N, C-alpha and C. Protein backbone atom coordinates (compact mmCIF):
# COMPACT_ATOMS: atom_id res chain seq x y z
N MET A 1 -47.56 15.09 -6.75
CA MET A 1 -47.38 14.31 -5.26
C MET A 1 -45.89 13.65 -4.80
N GLY A 2 -45.67 14.71 -3.42
CA GLY A 2 -44.61 14.61 -3.64
C GLY A 2 -43.96 13.65 -3.05
N LEU A 3 -42.53 13.93 -2.10
CA LEU A 3 -41.39 12.76 -1.89
C LEU A 3 -42.76 11.96 -0.33
N ILE A 4 -42.56 13.28 0.03
CA ILE A 4 -43.30 12.52 1.75
C ILE A 4 -44.37 12.07 1.40
N ASP A 5 -45.76 12.99 0.30
CA ASP A 5 -47.18 12.12 0.66
C ASP A 5 -46.65 10.46 -0.09
N LYS A 6 -45.56 9.79 -0.93
CA LYS A 6 -45.28 9.02 -1.52
C LYS A 6 -44.70 8.02 -0.49
N ILE A 7 -43.95 8.44 0.50
CA ILE A 7 -43.47 7.61 1.85
C ILE A 7 -44.67 7.18 3.03
N ASP A 8 -45.37 8.73 2.91
CA ASP A 8 -46.80 8.72 3.68
C ASP A 8 -47.75 7.52 3.58
N ASP A 9 -47.25 7.18 2.09
CA ASP A 9 -48.55 6.32 1.25
C ASP A 9 -48.47 4.79 2.06
N LEU A 10 -46.55 4.56 2.14
CA LEU A 10 -46.51 3.63 1.77
C LEU A 10 -46.60 2.77 3.76
N GLY A 11 -45.97 3.60 4.16
CA GLY A 11 -47.11 3.95 6.24
C GLY A 11 -45.71 4.15 6.93
N LYS A 12 -45.86 3.46 8.20
CA LYS A 12 -44.81 3.91 8.80
C LYS A 12 -43.79 3.55 9.38
N PRO A 13 -43.56 2.05 8.14
CA PRO A 13 -42.08 1.22 8.23
C PRO A 13 -41.22 1.60 7.21
N ALA A 14 -42.32 2.65 6.09
CA ALA A 14 -41.09 3.50 5.35
C ALA A 14 -39.96 4.24 6.07
N TRP A 15 -41.37 5.34 6.67
CA TRP A 15 -40.30 5.83 7.86
C TRP A 15 -39.18 5.51 8.65
N ILE A 16 -39.32 4.61 9.14
CA ILE A 16 -38.80 3.83 10.16
C ILE A 16 -37.54 3.24 9.37
N ALA A 17 -37.00 2.95 8.46
CA ALA A 17 -36.23 2.62 7.27
C ALA A 17 -35.40 4.03 7.01
N LEU A 18 -36.47 4.60 6.51
CA LEU A 18 -35.46 6.25 5.82
C LEU A 18 -34.86 6.35 6.92
N VAL A 19 -35.17 6.81 8.64
CA VAL A 19 -34.71 6.92 9.55
C VAL A 19 -32.98 6.51 9.70
N VAL A 20 -33.44 4.79 9.48
CA VAL A 20 -32.23 4.10 9.97
C VAL A 20 -31.34 4.48 8.89
N LEU A 21 -31.91 4.07 7.62
CA LEU A 21 -30.86 4.41 6.70
C LEU A 21 -29.87 5.66 6.66
N SER A 22 -30.53 7.10 7.14
CA SER A 22 -30.41 8.42 6.94
C SER A 22 -29.48 8.36 8.15
N PHE A 23 -29.70 7.24 9.37
CA PHE A 23 -28.43 7.38 10.75
C PHE A 23 -27.52 6.40 9.52
N ILE A 24 -27.49 5.70 9.44
CA ILE A 24 -26.33 4.72 8.49
C ILE A 24 -25.46 6.03 7.56
N LEU A 25 -26.06 6.44 7.04
CA LEU A 25 -25.51 6.98 5.60
C LEU A 25 -24.71 8.65 6.28
N PHE A 26 -25.33 9.18 7.25
CA PHE A 26 -24.73 10.50 7.92
C PHE A 26 -25.67 11.19 8.71
N TRP A 27 -25.24 10.71 10.03
CA TRP A 27 -26.16 10.79 11.11
C TRP A 27 -26.87 12.24 11.63
N PRO A 28 -26.13 13.24 11.19
CA PRO A 28 -26.92 14.62 11.24
C PRO A 28 -27.88 14.74 10.47
N ILE A 29 -28.32 14.05 8.82
CA ILE A 29 -30.05 13.91 8.06
C ILE A 29 -30.64 13.20 9.23
N GLY A 30 -30.03 12.13 10.05
CA GLY A 30 -31.08 10.92 10.69
C GLY A 30 -31.88 12.09 11.87
N VAL A 31 -30.84 12.78 12.42
CA VAL A 31 -31.68 13.75 13.21
C VAL A 31 -32.43 14.66 13.09
N ALA A 32 -32.08 15.50 12.18
CA ALA A 32 -32.80 16.10 11.16
C ALA A 32 -34.10 15.49 10.91
N LEU A 33 -33.97 14.40 9.77
CA LEU A 33 -35.47 13.83 10.11
C LEU A 33 -36.37 13.57 11.62
N LEU A 34 -35.48 12.87 12.14
CA LEU A 34 -36.32 12.76 13.21
C LEU A 34 -37.29 13.97 13.95
N VAL A 35 -36.21 15.06 14.10
CA VAL A 35 -36.74 16.51 14.86
C VAL A 35 -38.39 16.40 13.79
N TYR A 36 -38.12 16.60 12.23
CA TYR A 36 -39.30 17.00 11.30
C TYR A 36 -40.51 15.87 11.34
N LEU A 37 -39.85 14.31 11.59
CA LEU A 37 -40.75 13.23 12.37
C LEU A 37 -41.73 14.13 13.37
N LYS A 38 -41.38 14.62 14.46
CA LYS A 38 -41.49 15.10 15.85
C LYS A 38 -42.60 16.27 15.11
N TRP A 39 -41.64 17.15 14.79
CA TRP A 39 -42.58 18.40 14.66
C TRP A 39 -43.79 18.07 13.76
N SER A 40 -44.00 17.10 12.77
CA SER A 40 -44.84 17.00 11.52
C SER A 40 -45.89 16.13 12.86
N GLY A 41 -45.73 15.27 13.59
CA GLY A 41 -46.80 14.90 14.11
C GLY A 41 -46.97 13.58 13.88
N ARG A 42 -45.73 13.27 12.88
CA ARG A 42 -46.04 11.50 12.05
C ARG A 42 -45.44 10.59 13.14
N MET A 43 -44.48 11.35 14.30
CA MET A 43 -43.95 10.26 14.77
C MET A 43 -44.99 9.19 15.78
N PHE A 44 -45.49 9.53 15.90
CA PHE A 44 -46.95 8.81 17.51
C PHE A 44 -47.44 8.73 16.45
N CYS A 45 -48.16 7.71 17.15
CA CYS A 45 -49.75 6.57 16.40
C CYS A 45 -50.70 6.52 17.18
N SER A 46 -50.84 7.10 18.40
CA SER A 46 -51.73 6.98 19.35
C SER A 46 -52.91 7.39 18.73
N LYS A 47 -54.02 7.36 19.27
CA LYS A 47 -55.50 8.17 19.03
C LYS A 47 -55.16 9.39 20.09
N HIS A 48 -54.03 9.74 20.76
CA HIS A 48 -53.85 10.90 21.47
C HIS A 48 -53.68 12.05 20.83
N TYR A 49 -52.36 11.50 19.71
CA TYR A 49 -51.39 12.59 18.71
C TYR A 49 -52.63 12.46 17.23
N GLY A 50 -52.97 11.77 17.09
CA GLY A 50 -53.42 11.83 15.74
C GLY A 50 -53.63 10.77 14.83
N HIS A 51 -53.92 10.19 13.69
CA HIS A 51 -54.06 9.18 12.87
C HIS A 51 -53.63 9.79 11.49
N TRP A 52 -51.80 9.44 10.90
CA TRP A 52 -51.86 10.11 10.30
C TRP A 52 -51.77 9.67 8.39
N ASP A 53 -52.44 8.13 8.78
CA ASP A 53 -52.64 7.60 7.72
C ASP A 53 -54.40 7.55 7.26
N MET A 54 -54.76 8.42 8.49
CA MET A 54 -56.45 9.23 8.04
C MET A 54 -56.22 9.72 6.22
N PRO A 55 -57.20 9.51 5.88
CA PRO A 55 -57.30 9.66 4.40
C PRO A 55 -57.41 12.04 4.67
N ASP A 56 -58.30 11.93 6.01
CA ASP A 56 -58.64 13.24 5.74
C ASP A 56 -57.20 14.26 7.08
N ARG A 57 -56.10 14.39 6.63
CA ARG A 57 -54.71 14.69 7.50
C ARG A 57 -55.36 15.73 7.83
N GLN A 58 -56.09 16.98 7.73
CA GLN A 58 -56.50 18.05 8.46
C GLN A 58 -57.55 17.86 9.35
N GLN A 59 -58.52 16.88 9.48
CA GLN A 59 -58.70 16.14 10.42
C GLN A 59 -58.17 15.77 11.97
N ALA A 60 -56.75 15.02 11.49
CA ALA A 60 -55.46 14.47 12.15
C ALA A 60 -55.38 15.01 12.45
N ARG A 61 -54.99 16.25 12.16
CA ARG A 61 -54.29 17.67 12.79
C ARG A 61 -54.90 18.52 13.90
N GLU A 62 -56.59 18.91 13.83
CA GLU A 62 -57.09 19.34 14.19
C GLU A 62 -57.53 18.28 15.35
N GLU A 63 -57.44 17.39 15.24
CA GLU A 63 -57.67 16.33 16.62
C GLU A 63 -56.75 16.47 17.73
N TYR A 64 -55.25 16.69 16.87
CA TYR A 64 -53.86 16.78 17.70
C TYR A 64 -53.80 17.89 18.59
N ARG A 65 -53.81 19.05 17.54
CA ARG A 65 -53.98 20.31 18.64
C ARG A 65 -55.53 20.27 19.95
N ALA A 66 -56.47 20.07 19.43
CA ALA A 66 -57.51 19.77 20.47
C ALA A 66 -56.99 19.04 21.75
N ARG A 67 -56.80 18.42 21.39
CA ARG A 67 -55.69 17.07 21.85
C ARG A 67 -54.84 18.01 23.22
N ARG A 68 -54.15 18.52 22.64
CA ARG A 68 -52.63 19.31 22.94
C ARG A 68 -53.25 20.65 24.01
N GLN A 69 -54.79 21.40 23.14
CA GLN A 69 -55.15 22.38 24.26
C GLN A 69 -55.66 21.55 25.75
N GLN A 70 -56.13 20.24 25.14
CA GLN A 70 -56.62 20.08 26.33
C GLN A 70 -55.84 19.48 27.20
N VAL A 71 -55.10 19.12 26.82
CA VAL A 71 -53.52 18.72 28.09
C VAL A 71 -53.15 20.19 28.51
N ARG A 72 -53.16 21.06 28.02
CA ARG A 72 -52.64 22.34 28.59
C ARG A 72 -53.69 22.82 29.73
N GLU A 73 -55.12 22.53 28.91
CA GLU A 73 -55.99 23.10 30.24
C GLU A 73 -55.74 22.33 31.00
N GLU A 74 -55.76 21.11 30.96
CA GLU A 74 -55.85 20.24 32.41
C GLU A 74 -54.52 20.53 33.12
N TRP A 75 -53.41 21.07 32.62
CA TRP A 75 -52.18 21.21 33.49
C TRP A 75 -52.21 22.26 34.05
N ARG A 76 -52.89 23.69 33.24
CA ARG A 76 -53.23 24.94 34.10
C ARG A 76 -54.02 24.64 35.56
N ALA A 77 -55.22 23.45 35.26
CA ALA A 77 -55.89 23.41 36.47
C ALA A 77 -55.86 22.54 37.38
N TRP A 78 -54.55 21.70 36.99
CA TRP A 78 -53.68 21.28 38.07
C TRP A 78 -52.96 21.74 38.85
N LYS A 79 -52.12 22.72 38.29
CA LYS A 79 -51.09 23.67 39.30
C LYS A 79 -52.20 25.11 39.84
N LEU A 80 -53.07 24.90 39.54
CA LEU A 80 -53.86 25.89 40.35
C LEU A 80 -54.57 25.23 41.50
N ARG A 81 -54.90 24.19 41.23
CA ARG A 81 -55.82 23.17 42.58
C ARG A 81 -54.11 22.94 43.90
N HIS A 82 -52.95 22.99 43.34
CA HIS A 82 -51.96 22.34 44.32
C HIS A 82 -51.36 23.50 44.34
N ARG A 83 -51.86 24.72 43.40
CA ARG A 83 -50.41 26.72 44.03
C ARG A 83 -48.95 25.93 44.43
N TRP A 84 -48.61 25.76 43.29
CA TRP A 84 -47.02 25.58 43.34
C TRP A 84 -46.67 26.85 44.21
N GLY A 85 -46.01 26.95 45.37
CA GLY A 85 -45.35 27.72 45.64
C GLY A 85 -45.72 28.04 46.73
N GLY A 86 -46.78 28.11 47.34
CA GLY A 86 -47.67 28.61 48.22
C GLY A 86 -48.30 27.21 49.14
N ARG A 87 -49.47 28.30 49.70
CA ARG A 87 -50.42 27.07 50.38
C ARG A 87 -50.82 25.97 49.67
N PRO A 88 -51.41 24.89 50.35
CA PRO A 88 -52.13 23.74 49.78
C PRO A 88 -53.59 23.90 49.84
N ALA A 89 -53.98 23.50 48.89
CA ALA A 89 -55.76 24.54 48.49
C ALA A 89 -56.40 23.36 49.59
N SER A 90 -57.36 24.20 49.70
CA SER A 90 -58.62 23.78 51.19
C SER A 90 -58.39 22.22 51.34
N SER A 91 -58.78 21.73 52.26
CA SER A 91 -59.12 20.41 52.03
C SER A 91 -60.28 20.13 52.95
N GLY A 92 -61.32 21.27 52.38
CA GLY A 92 -62.63 20.76 52.36
C GLY A 92 -63.59 21.04 54.05
N ASN A 93 -62.48 20.89 54.74
CA ASN A 93 -62.99 20.84 56.26
C ASN A 93 -62.47 22.23 56.62
N VAL A 94 -63.60 23.27 56.70
CA VAL A 94 -63.19 24.94 57.67
C VAL A 94 -62.43 24.66 58.96
N ALA A 95 -62.64 23.74 59.84
CA ALA A 95 -62.26 23.51 60.90
C ALA A 95 -60.35 22.88 61.11
N PHE A 96 -60.52 22.00 60.06
CA PHE A 96 -58.83 21.90 59.66
C PHE A 96 -58.18 22.80 59.33
N ASP A 97 -59.03 23.34 57.90
CA ASP A 97 -57.75 24.54 57.60
C ASP A 97 -57.55 25.45 58.57
N GLU A 98 -58.55 25.91 59.19
CA GLU A 98 -57.63 27.25 60.16
C GLU A 98 -56.74 27.14 61.22
N TYR A 99 -56.99 25.32 61.55
CA TYR A 99 -56.19 24.85 62.16
C TYR A 99 -54.87 24.60 61.66
N ARG A 100 -54.74 24.15 60.16
CA ARG A 100 -53.36 24.09 59.63
C ARG A 100 -52.98 25.63 59.82
N GLU A 101 -53.49 26.75 59.01
CA GLU A 101 -53.13 27.84 58.81
C GLU A 101 -52.68 28.53 59.94
N GLU A 102 -53.22 28.62 61.51
CA GLU A 102 -52.89 28.84 62.99
C GLU A 102 -51.45 28.08 62.75
N THR A 103 -51.36 26.74 62.70
CA THR A 103 -49.85 25.87 63.21
C THR A 103 -48.76 26.14 62.25
N LEU A 104 -49.27 26.70 60.54
CA LEU A 104 -48.45 26.82 59.50
C LEU A 104 -47.88 28.55 60.23
N ARG A 105 -48.76 29.40 60.52
CA ARG A 105 -48.16 30.80 60.74
C ARG A 105 -46.94 30.75 62.15
N ARG A 106 -47.85 29.75 63.30
CA ARG A 106 -47.28 30.04 64.60
C ARG A 106 -45.39 29.14 64.14
N LEU A 107 -45.10 28.35 63.44
CA LEU A 107 -43.93 27.21 63.12
C LEU A 107 -43.68 28.82 61.76
N ASP A 108 -43.82 29.32 61.24
CA ASP A 108 -43.08 30.47 60.67
C ASP A 108 -42.34 31.77 61.69
N ASP A 109 -43.58 31.94 62.41
CA ASP A 109 -43.32 32.88 63.86
C ASP A 109 -41.60 32.45 64.94
N GLU A 110 -41.80 31.00 64.87
CA GLU A 110 -40.72 30.56 65.55
C GLU A 110 -39.89 30.27 64.65
N GLN A 111 -39.46 30.01 63.62
CA GLN A 111 -38.69 30.21 62.53
C GLN A 111 -37.76 30.97 61.90
N ARG A 112 -38.81 32.26 61.94
CA ARG A 112 -38.70 33.87 62.09
C ARG A 112 -37.53 34.39 63.45
N GLU A 113 -38.30 33.59 64.30
CA GLU A 113 -37.01 33.95 65.78
C GLU A 113 -36.08 33.32 66.06
N PHE A 114 -35.90 32.28 65.79
CA PHE A 114 -34.62 31.35 65.98
C PHE A 114 -34.21 31.87 65.04
N ARG A 115 -34.14 32.22 63.62
CA ARG A 115 -33.06 32.36 62.44
C ARG A 115 -32.25 33.97 63.51
N ASP A 116 -33.73 35.05 63.45
CA ASP A 116 -32.82 36.25 64.22
C ASP A 116 -31.85 36.25 65.83
N PHE A 117 -32.45 34.75 66.49
CA PHE A 117 -31.38 34.83 67.52
C PHE A 117 -30.18 33.90 67.03
N LEU A 118 -29.90 33.08 66.16
CA LEU A 118 -29.30 32.74 65.82
C LEU A 118 -27.89 34.37 64.97
N ASP A 119 -28.51 35.18 64.50
CA ASP A 119 -28.50 36.54 63.63
C ASP A 119 -27.26 36.79 64.97
N LYS A 120 -28.39 37.17 66.02
CA LYS A 120 -27.15 37.69 67.14
C LYS A 120 -26.39 37.03 68.00
N LEU A 121 -26.55 35.66 68.09
CA LEU A 121 -25.21 34.51 68.86
C LEU A 121 -24.45 34.88 67.79
N ARG A 122 -24.08 34.75 66.06
CA ARG A 122 -23.18 35.59 65.56
C ARG A 122 -22.47 36.35 65.63
N ALA A 123 -23.32 37.34 65.69
CA ALA A 123 -22.85 38.94 66.20
C ALA A 123 -22.16 39.04 67.07
N ALA A 124 -22.94 38.53 68.46
CA ALA A 124 -21.75 38.40 69.40
C ALA A 124 -20.91 38.22 69.52
N LYS A 125 -20.46 37.00 68.98
CA LYS A 125 -19.53 35.70 68.98
C LYS A 125 -18.37 36.74 67.91
N ASP A 126 -18.71 36.82 66.79
CA ASP A 126 -18.29 38.18 65.80
C ASP A 126 -17.81 39.47 66.86
N ARG A 127 -18.39 40.11 67.87
CA ARG A 127 -18.12 41.05 68.40
C ARG A 127 -16.81 40.72 69.55
N SER A 128 -16.93 39.42 70.43
CA SER A 128 -16.54 38.97 71.15
C SER A 128 -14.73 38.43 70.38
N GLU A 129 -15.19 38.16 69.49
CA GLU A 129 -13.38 37.96 68.71
C GLU A 129 -12.69 38.78 68.54
N PHE A 130 -13.34 40.10 68.09
CA PHE A 130 -13.15 41.14 67.13
C PHE A 130 -12.13 42.15 68.37
N ASP A 131 -13.19 42.05 69.77
CA ASP A 131 -12.63 42.70 70.84
C ASP A 131 -11.43 41.62 71.64
N GLN A 132 -11.62 41.26 71.29
CA GLN A 132 -10.03 40.48 72.19
C GLN A 132 -9.09 40.15 70.81
N PHE A 133 -8.88 40.04 69.59
CA PHE A 133 -8.04 40.81 68.86
C PHE A 133 -7.81 41.97 68.79
N MET A 134 -8.20 43.39 68.93
CA MET A 134 -8.10 44.53 69.22
C MET A 134 -7.36 44.25 70.72
N SER A 135 -7.76 43.73 71.97
CA SER A 135 -6.61 43.90 72.86
C SER A 135 -5.80 42.98 72.64
N ASP A 136 -5.60 41.91 72.15
CA ASP A 136 -4.17 41.95 71.79
C ASP A 136 -3.40 42.12 70.92
N ARG A 137 -4.12 43.17 70.17
CA ARG A 137 -3.15 43.88 69.26
C ARG A 137 -2.56 45.58 69.90
N ARG A 138 -3.54 45.79 71.13
CA ARG A 138 -2.96 46.86 72.45
C ARG A 138 -1.84 46.33 73.54
N ASN A 139 -2.24 45.36 73.22
CA ASN A 139 -1.13 44.66 74.46
C ASN A 139 0.00 44.07 74.36
N ARG A 140 0.51 43.87 72.77
CA ARG A 140 1.22 43.15 72.61
C ARG A 140 2.69 44.06 73.17
N PRO A 141 3.80 43.21 72.68
CA PRO A 141 5.09 44.78 73.23
C PRO A 141 5.36 45.27 72.00
N ALA A 142 5.61 46.19 71.70
CA ALA A 142 6.25 47.32 70.86
C ALA A 142 7.73 46.80 69.98
N THR A 143 7.28 46.53 68.79
CA THR A 143 8.68 46.31 68.30
C THR A 143 9.35 47.18 67.42
N GLU A 144 10.42 47.04 68.00
CA GLU A 144 11.35 48.55 67.73
C GLU A 144 11.26 48.76 66.46
N PRO A 145 11.36 50.55 65.86
CA PRO A 145 11.26 50.59 64.62
C PRO A 145 12.41 49.85 63.37
N PRO A 146 12.18 49.58 62.04
CA PRO A 146 13.15 49.07 61.13
C PRO A 146 13.75 50.12 61.13
N PRO A 147 15.53 49.44 60.86
CA PRO A 147 16.23 50.66 60.93
C PRO A 147 16.32 50.95 59.92
N ALA A 148 16.71 52.57 59.58
CA ALA A 148 16.44 53.54 58.33
C ALA A 148 17.06 53.09 56.84
N PRO A 149 17.51 52.88 56.12
CA PRO A 149 18.41 52.36 55.16
C PRO A 149 19.23 53.75 54.72
N SER A 150 20.24 53.21 55.05
CA SER A 150 21.76 53.76 55.35
C SER A 150 22.07 54.77 53.87
N ALA A 151 22.85 56.01 53.35
CA ALA A 151 23.00 55.86 51.80
C ALA A 151 23.68 55.97 51.51
N ALA A 152 24.47 55.19 51.26
CA ALA A 152 26.17 55.08 50.69
C ALA A 152 26.49 56.15 49.60
């Protein structure tokens, strides 16, 4: 019988006392112990995560794995229903869904047109500023060239 089995036989208070003591003595050991308890499933005590005080620990591990798989499947189903990054799922009313799709398409078109308008407006402003700069540059009085360095 190993040390872990002895601590398991004493129950959860023994694990809690060991974690507290390890944090008092040397905190990295306490962190490592917490990671181990989380990884092994001993940290949880609800029916969803398995009962580690059961005589048949293999059964508890299998229940934990089955529950974890069920949660994953529920999450995938939820993501499919809500279609992250895409259009919302059907409401069940065909007429409303068609109206919604048409409205969203129209809004997308208006947004695209407005973006194009802003791009043209920025380009026209940039063009006029550049033309003004070039005009000012051409019309400024010519300055005398700098004197040539004298050879001494």
